Amino acid sequence: MENKEKIKPEDGSQKAEAEKAKAEADEKAKAKADEKAAQEDKVKKEKLLEEIGDTMQKALELNLREKMEPYFKQNPGVNQFHVSSDETPFYSKTDAEIHQKSIDKEKEVLTINR
């Protein structure tokens, strides 16, 4: 006579627990993937905003450079002007910064080179 063991069918509660554990693991994996995707999106947005800011800064500087041309022509020995946010040119950066603080402390003085 052969020694045969009977294989018991899986208990319903064990199967339910296994399915529940798998569902929880899948849910955690999805949450982790969603979090990673959200972080990647945040980084992309920050980079894009930085690029937009850089582009706007360059456009502003180009615009100011054009506006400063008459000042450079009138002052051939001057190689740079320091310009406040109200577009007032100064020879001295310190003077420009003092003026800038009097009109808007949040904005910075731009230096426009010849």
N, C-alpha and C. Protein backbone atom coordinates (compact mmCIF):
# COMPACT_ATOMS: atom_id res chain seq x y z
N MET A 1 0.83 -1.17 0.00
CA MET A 1 0.00 0.00 0.00
C MET A 1 0.88 1.24 0.00
N GLU A 2 0.57 2.15 -0.89
CA GLU A 2 1.35 3.38 -0.99
C GLU A 2 0.87 4.38 0.04
N ASN A 3 1.83 5.16 0.48
CA ASN A 3 1.52 6.18 1.47
C ASN A 3 1.12 7.46 0.72
N LYS A 4 -0.12 7.69 0.61
CA LYS A 4 -0.62 8.88 -0.09
C LYS A 4 -1.23 9.83 0.92
N GLU A 5 -0.76 11.07 0.79
CA GLU A 5 -1.36 12.08 1.65
C GLU A 5 -2.44 12.78 0.86
N LYS A 6 -3.48 13.05 1.54
CA LYS A 6 -4.54 13.80 0.88
C LYS A 6 -4.19 15.28 0.92
N ILE A 7 -4.30 15.90 -0.22
CA ILE A 7 -4.07 17.33 -0.28
C ILE A 7 -5.39 18.00 0.00
N LYS A 8 -5.37 18.81 1.05
CA LYS A 8 -6.59 19.49 1.44
C LYS A 8 -6.77 20.73 0.56
N PRO A 9 -7.96 20.97 0.14
CA PRO A 9 -8.19 22.21 -0.60
C PRO A 9 -7.93 23.39 0.32
N GLU A 10 -7.46 24.50 -0.29
CA GLU A 10 -7.15 25.67 0.50
C GLU A 10 -8.39 26.14 1.23
N ASP A 11 -8.18 26.49 2.43
CA ASP A 11 -9.27 26.99 3.25
C ASP A 11 -9.73 28.33 2.67
N GLY A 12 -11.00 28.60 2.62
CA GLY A 12 -11.55 29.84 2.05
C GLY A 12 -11.01 31.09 2.73
N SER A 13 -10.84 31.03 4.05
CA SER A 13 -10.37 32.21 4.78
C SER A 13 -8.90 32.49 4.45
N GLN A 14 -8.11 31.44 4.24
CA GLN A 14 -6.70 31.63 3.88
C GLN A 14 -6.59 32.27 2.49
N LYS A 15 -7.43 31.81 1.60
CA LYS A 15 -7.43 32.35 0.24
C LYS A 15 -7.84 33.82 0.27
N ALA A 16 -8.84 34.14 1.05
CA ALA A 16 -9.31 35.52 1.17
C ALA A 16 -8.21 36.41 1.76
N GLU A 17 -7.50 35.89 2.76
CA GLU A 17 -6.41 36.65 3.38
C GLU A 17 -5.27 36.88 2.38
N ALA A 18 -4.98 35.87 1.59
CA ALA A 18 -3.92 36.00 0.59
C ALA A 18 -4.31 37.04 -0.46
N GLU A 19 -5.57 37.01 -0.89
CA GLU A 19 -6.04 37.98 -1.88
C GLU A 19 -6.02 39.40 -1.29
N LYS A 20 -6.39 39.49 -0.02
CA LYS A 20 -6.39 40.80 0.66
C LYS A 20 -4.97 41.33 0.77
N ALA A 21 -4.03 40.47 1.13
CA ALA A 21 -2.63 40.88 1.25
C ALA A 21 -2.08 41.32 -0.11
N LYS A 22 -2.44 40.58 -1.15
CA LYS A 22 -1.99 40.96 -2.51
C LYS A 22 -2.58 42.29 -2.91
N ALA A 23 -3.86 42.51 -2.62
CA ALA A 23 -4.53 43.77 -2.97
C ALA A 23 -3.87 44.94 -2.23
N GLU A 24 -3.53 44.71 -0.95
CA GLU A 24 -2.86 45.76 -0.17
C GLU A 24 -1.48 46.06 -0.73
N ALA A 25 -0.75 45.03 -1.12
CA ALA A 25 0.58 45.22 -1.71
C ALA A 25 0.47 45.97 -3.04
N ASP A 26 -0.52 45.59 -3.84
CA ASP A 26 -0.73 46.28 -5.12
C ASP A 26 -1.08 47.75 -4.90
N GLU A 27 -1.91 48.00 -3.90
CA GLU A 27 -2.33 49.36 -3.58
C GLU A 27 -1.13 50.20 -3.12
N LYS A 28 -0.27 49.62 -2.29
CA LYS A 28 0.92 50.32 -1.82
C LYS A 28 1.87 50.61 -2.98
N ALA A 29 2.02 49.65 -3.87
CA ALA A 29 2.89 49.83 -5.03
C ALA A 29 2.35 50.95 -5.93
N LYS A 30 1.03 50.97 -6.12
CA LYS A 30 0.41 52.01 -6.94
C LYS A 30 0.59 53.38 -6.28
N ALA A 31 0.39 53.45 -4.97
CA ALA A 31 0.54 54.71 -4.25
C ALA A 31 1.98 55.21 -4.37
N LYS A 32 2.93 54.30 -4.26
CA LYS A 32 4.34 54.67 -4.38
C LYS A 32 4.65 55.17 -5.79
N ALA A 33 4.11 54.49 -6.79
CA ALA A 33 4.31 54.91 -8.19
C ALA A 33 3.66 56.27 -8.44
N ASP A 34 2.46 56.49 -7.88
CA ASP A 34 1.78 57.77 -8.03
C ASP A 34 2.57 58.89 -7.37
N GLU A 35 3.13 58.61 -6.20
CA GLU A 35 3.93 59.59 -5.48
C GLU A 35 5.19 59.95 -6.27
N LYS A 36 5.81 58.93 -6.84
CA LYS A 36 7.01 59.16 -7.65
C LYS A 36 6.67 60.00 -8.88
N ALA A 37 5.56 59.69 -9.53
CA ALA A 37 5.13 60.44 -10.71
C ALA A 37 4.81 61.89 -10.34
N ALA A 38 4.17 62.08 -9.19
CA ALA A 38 3.85 63.44 -8.74
C ALA A 38 5.12 64.24 -8.46
N GLN A 39 6.11 63.59 -7.87
CA GLN A 39 7.39 64.25 -7.59
C GLN A 39 8.09 64.61 -8.90
N GLU A 40 8.06 63.71 -9.87
CA GLU A 40 8.68 63.99 -11.18
C GLU A 40 7.97 65.14 -11.87
N ASP A 41 6.64 65.18 -11.77
CA ASP A 41 5.87 66.29 -12.35
C ASP A 41 6.24 67.61 -11.68
N LYS A 42 6.41 67.57 -10.37
CA LYS A 42 6.77 68.78 -9.61
C LYS A 42 8.13 69.30 -10.08
N VAL A 43 9.08 68.40 -10.24
CA VAL A 43 10.42 68.79 -10.68
C VAL A 43 10.35 69.38 -12.09
N LYS A 44 9.56 68.75 -12.97
CA LYS A 44 9.40 69.27 -14.34
C LYS A 44 8.80 70.67 -14.34
N LYS A 45 7.77 70.87 -13.51
CA LYS A 45 7.12 72.18 -13.42
C LYS A 45 8.09 73.23 -12.90
N GLU A 46 8.86 72.88 -11.88
CA GLU A 46 9.84 73.83 -11.32
C GLU A 46 10.88 74.20 -12.36
N LYS A 47 11.33 73.21 -13.12
CA LYS A 47 12.32 73.48 -14.16
C LYS A 47 11.73 74.37 -15.25
N LEU A 48 10.50 74.09 -15.64
CA LEU A 48 9.83 74.90 -16.66
C LEU A 48 9.65 76.34 -16.18
N LEU A 49 9.23 76.51 -14.93
CA LEU A 49 9.07 77.85 -14.38
C LEU A 49 10.40 78.59 -14.33
N GLU A 50 11.45 77.87 -14.00
CA GLU A 50 12.78 78.47 -13.98
C GLU A 50 13.19 78.92 -15.39
N GLU A 51 12.92 78.06 -16.37
CA GLU A 51 13.24 78.40 -17.77
C GLU A 51 12.43 79.61 -18.23
N ILE A 52 11.15 79.65 -17.85
CA ILE A 52 10.30 80.79 -18.22
C ILE A 52 10.85 82.05 -17.56
N GLY A 53 11.22 81.94 -16.29
CA GLY A 53 11.78 83.10 -15.59
C GLY A 53 13.06 83.58 -16.24
N ASP A 54 13.92 82.64 -16.64
CA ASP A 54 15.17 83.00 -17.32
C ASP A 54 14.88 83.69 -18.65
N THR A 55 13.91 83.18 -19.38
CA THR A 55 13.55 83.77 -20.67
C THR A 55 12.99 85.17 -20.48
N MET A 56 12.15 85.33 -19.49
CA MET A 56 11.60 86.66 -19.21
C MET A 56 12.69 87.63 -18.78
N GLN A 57 13.62 87.14 -17.98
CA GLN A 57 14.73 87.98 -17.53
C GLN A 57 15.56 88.44 -18.72
N LYS A 58 15.85 87.52 -19.65
CA LYS A 58 16.62 87.87 -20.85
C LYS A 58 15.87 88.89 -21.69
N ALA A 59 14.57 88.72 -21.83
CA ALA A 59 13.76 89.67 -22.60
C ALA A 59 13.78 91.05 -21.96
N LEU A 60 13.68 91.07 -20.65
CA LEU A 60 13.73 92.34 -19.92
C LEU A 60 15.08 93.01 -20.12
N GLU A 61 16.15 92.23 -20.01
CA GLU A 61 17.48 92.79 -20.19
C GLU A 61 17.68 93.31 -21.61
N LEU A 62 17.17 92.58 -22.60
CA LEU A 62 17.27 93.06 -23.99
C LEU A 62 16.51 94.36 -24.18
N ASN A 63 15.33 94.43 -23.61
CA ASN A 63 14.52 95.64 -23.68
C ASN A 63 15.25 96.81 -23.00
N LEU A 64 15.81 96.55 -21.83
CA LEU A 64 16.53 97.60 -21.12
C LEU A 64 17.80 98.00 -21.87
N ARG A 65 18.46 97.03 -22.47
CA ARG A 65 19.68 97.33 -23.23
C ARG A 65 19.35 98.31 -24.36
N GLU A 66 18.22 98.07 -25.03
CA GLU A 66 17.79 98.99 -26.09
C GLU A 66 17.49 100.37 -25.52
N LYS A 67 16.83 100.42 -24.38
CA LYS A 67 16.50 101.70 -23.76
C LYS A 67 17.74 102.43 -23.25
N MET A 68 18.80 101.68 -22.94
CA MET A 68 20.03 102.29 -22.41
C MET A 68 20.96 102.78 -23.52
N GLU A 69 20.69 102.41 -24.75
CA GLU A 69 21.56 102.81 -25.87
C GLU A 69 21.81 104.32 -25.91
N PRO A 70 20.79 105.17 -25.78
CA PRO A 70 21.06 106.61 -25.79
C PRO A 70 22.00 107.04 -24.64
N TYR A 71 21.87 106.38 -23.49
CA TYR A 71 22.73 106.71 -22.35
C TYR A 71 24.17 106.30 -22.64
N PHE A 72 24.34 105.14 -23.26
CA PHE A 72 25.69 104.70 -23.63
C PHE A 72 26.30 105.65 -24.67
N LYS A 73 25.48 106.11 -25.61
CA LYS A 73 25.98 107.04 -26.64
C LYS A 73 26.40 108.37 -26.02
N GLN A 74 25.63 108.83 -25.04
CA GLN A 74 25.94 110.10 -24.37
C GLN A 74 27.12 109.96 -23.42
N ASN A 75 27.45 108.73 -23.02
CA ASN A 75 28.52 108.47 -22.05
C ASN A 75 29.46 107.40 -22.61
N PRO A 76 30.29 107.76 -23.59
CA PRO A 76 31.13 106.77 -24.26
C PRO A 76 32.13 106.06 -23.33
N GLY A 77 32.47 106.66 -22.22
CA GLY A 77 33.42 106.04 -21.29
C GLY A 77 32.78 105.09 -20.29
N VAL A 78 31.46 104.99 -20.31
CA VAL A 78 30.73 104.14 -19.36
C VAL A 78 30.43 102.81 -20.03
N ASN A 79 30.81 101.73 -19.35
CA ASN A 79 30.59 100.39 -19.92
C ASN A 79 29.39 99.66 -19.34
N GLN A 80 28.81 100.21 -18.26
CA GLN A 80 27.63 99.57 -17.69
C GLN A 80 26.80 100.59 -16.91
N PHE A 81 25.51 100.32 -16.90
CA PHE A 81 24.59 101.08 -16.07
C PHE A 81 23.86 100.09 -15.17
N HIS A 82 23.50 100.58 -14.01
CA HIS A 82 22.72 99.79 -13.05
C HIS A 82 21.32 100.38 -13.08
N VAL A 83 20.34 99.53 -13.37
CA VAL A 83 18.99 100.02 -13.64
C VAL A 83 18.01 99.47 -12.60
N SER A 84 17.24 100.39 -12.03
CA SER A 84 16.21 100.00 -11.07
C SER A 84 14.97 99.52 -11.81
N SER A 85 14.01 98.99 -11.06
CA SER A 85 12.81 98.43 -11.68
C SER A 85 11.94 99.48 -12.35
N ASP A 86 12.12 100.76 -12.00
CA ASP A 86 11.39 101.82 -12.70
C ASP A 86 12.18 102.35 -13.89
N GLU A 87 13.24 101.60 -14.26
CA GLU A 87 14.08 101.85 -15.43
C GLU A 87 14.92 103.12 -15.31
N THR A 88 15.23 103.49 -14.09
CA THR A 88 16.13 104.63 -13.88
C THR A 88 17.56 104.11 -13.90
N PRO A 89 18.41 104.68 -14.79
CA PRO A 89 19.81 104.22 -14.86
C PRO A 89 20.70 104.95 -13.86
N PHE A 90 21.68 104.21 -13.33
CA PHE A 90 22.65 104.77 -12.40
C PHE A 90 24.05 104.31 -12.80
N TYR A 91 25.03 105.17 -12.54
CA TYR A 91 26.43 104.77 -12.74
C TYR A 91 26.84 103.82 -11.62
N SER A 92 26.38 104.13 -10.42
CA SER A 92 26.77 103.39 -9.22
C SER A 92 25.71 102.35 -8.85
N LYS A 93 26.17 101.14 -8.61
CA LYS A 93 25.24 100.08 -8.21
C LYS A 93 24.64 100.40 -6.85
N THR A 94 25.44 100.95 -5.97
CA THR A 94 24.95 101.30 -4.63
C THR A 94 23.82 102.31 -4.71
N ASP A 95 23.99 103.34 -5.54
CA ASP A 95 22.93 104.34 -5.70
C ASP A 95 21.67 103.70 -6.28
N ALA A 96 21.85 102.81 -7.24
CA ALA A 96 20.70 102.13 -7.84
C ALA A 96 19.99 101.28 -6.79
N GLU A 97 20.74 100.60 -5.95
CA GLU A 97 20.14 99.75 -4.91
C GLU A 97 19.39 100.58 -3.87
N ILE A 98 19.96 101.73 -3.51
CA ILE A 98 19.27 102.61 -2.55
C ILE A 98 17.94 103.08 -3.15
N HIS A 99 18.00 103.50 -4.40
CA HIS A 99 16.77 103.94 -5.07
C HIS A 99 15.78 102.78 -5.17
N GLN A 100 16.27 101.59 -5.55
CA GLN A 100 15.39 100.42 -5.69
C GLN A 100 14.68 100.11 -4.39
N LYS A 101 15.40 100.17 -3.28
CA LYS A 101 14.77 99.87 -1.98
C LYS A 101 13.68 100.87 -1.64
N SER A 102 13.81 102.09 -2.16
CA SER A 102 12.80 103.11 -1.87
C SER A 102 11.52 102.88 -2.69
N ILE A 103 11.63 102.14 -3.80
CA ILE A 103 10.43 101.92 -4.62
C ILE A 103 9.86 100.50 -4.49
N ASP A 104 10.74 99.51 -4.32
CA ASP A 104 10.27 98.12 -4.19
C ASP A 104 11.41 97.26 -3.67
N LYS A 105 11.32 96.87 -2.42
CA LYS A 105 12.40 96.10 -1.78
C LYS A 105 12.53 94.69 -2.32
N GLU A 106 11.48 94.18 -2.95
CA GLU A 106 11.49 92.81 -3.44
C GLU A 106 12.26 92.64 -4.75
N LYS A 107 12.32 93.69 -5.54
CA LYS A 107 12.96 93.60 -6.85
C LYS A 107 14.43 93.97 -6.75
N GLU A 108 15.20 93.48 -7.72
CA GLU A 108 16.64 93.73 -7.71
C GLU A 108 17.04 94.66 -8.84
N VAL A 109 18.18 95.26 -8.66
CA VAL A 109 18.78 96.13 -9.68
C VAL A 109 19.39 95.27 -10.76
N LEU A 110 19.23 95.65 -12.02
CA LEU A 110 19.85 94.94 -13.14
C LEU A 110 21.05 95.73 -13.62
N THR A 111 22.10 95.03 -13.96
CA THR A 111 23.28 95.65 -14.54
C THR A 111 23.27 95.39 -16.03
N ILE A 112 23.30 96.47 -16.79
CA ILE A 112 23.28 96.38 -18.25
C ILE A 112 24.66 96.80 -18.75
N ASN A 113 25.32 95.88 -19.43
CA ASN A 113 26.65 96.15 -19.99
C ASN A 113 26.54 96.64 -21.41
N ARG A 114 27.55 97.42 -21.80
CA ARG A 114 27.60 97.97 -23.15
C ARG A 114 27.56 96.86 -24.16
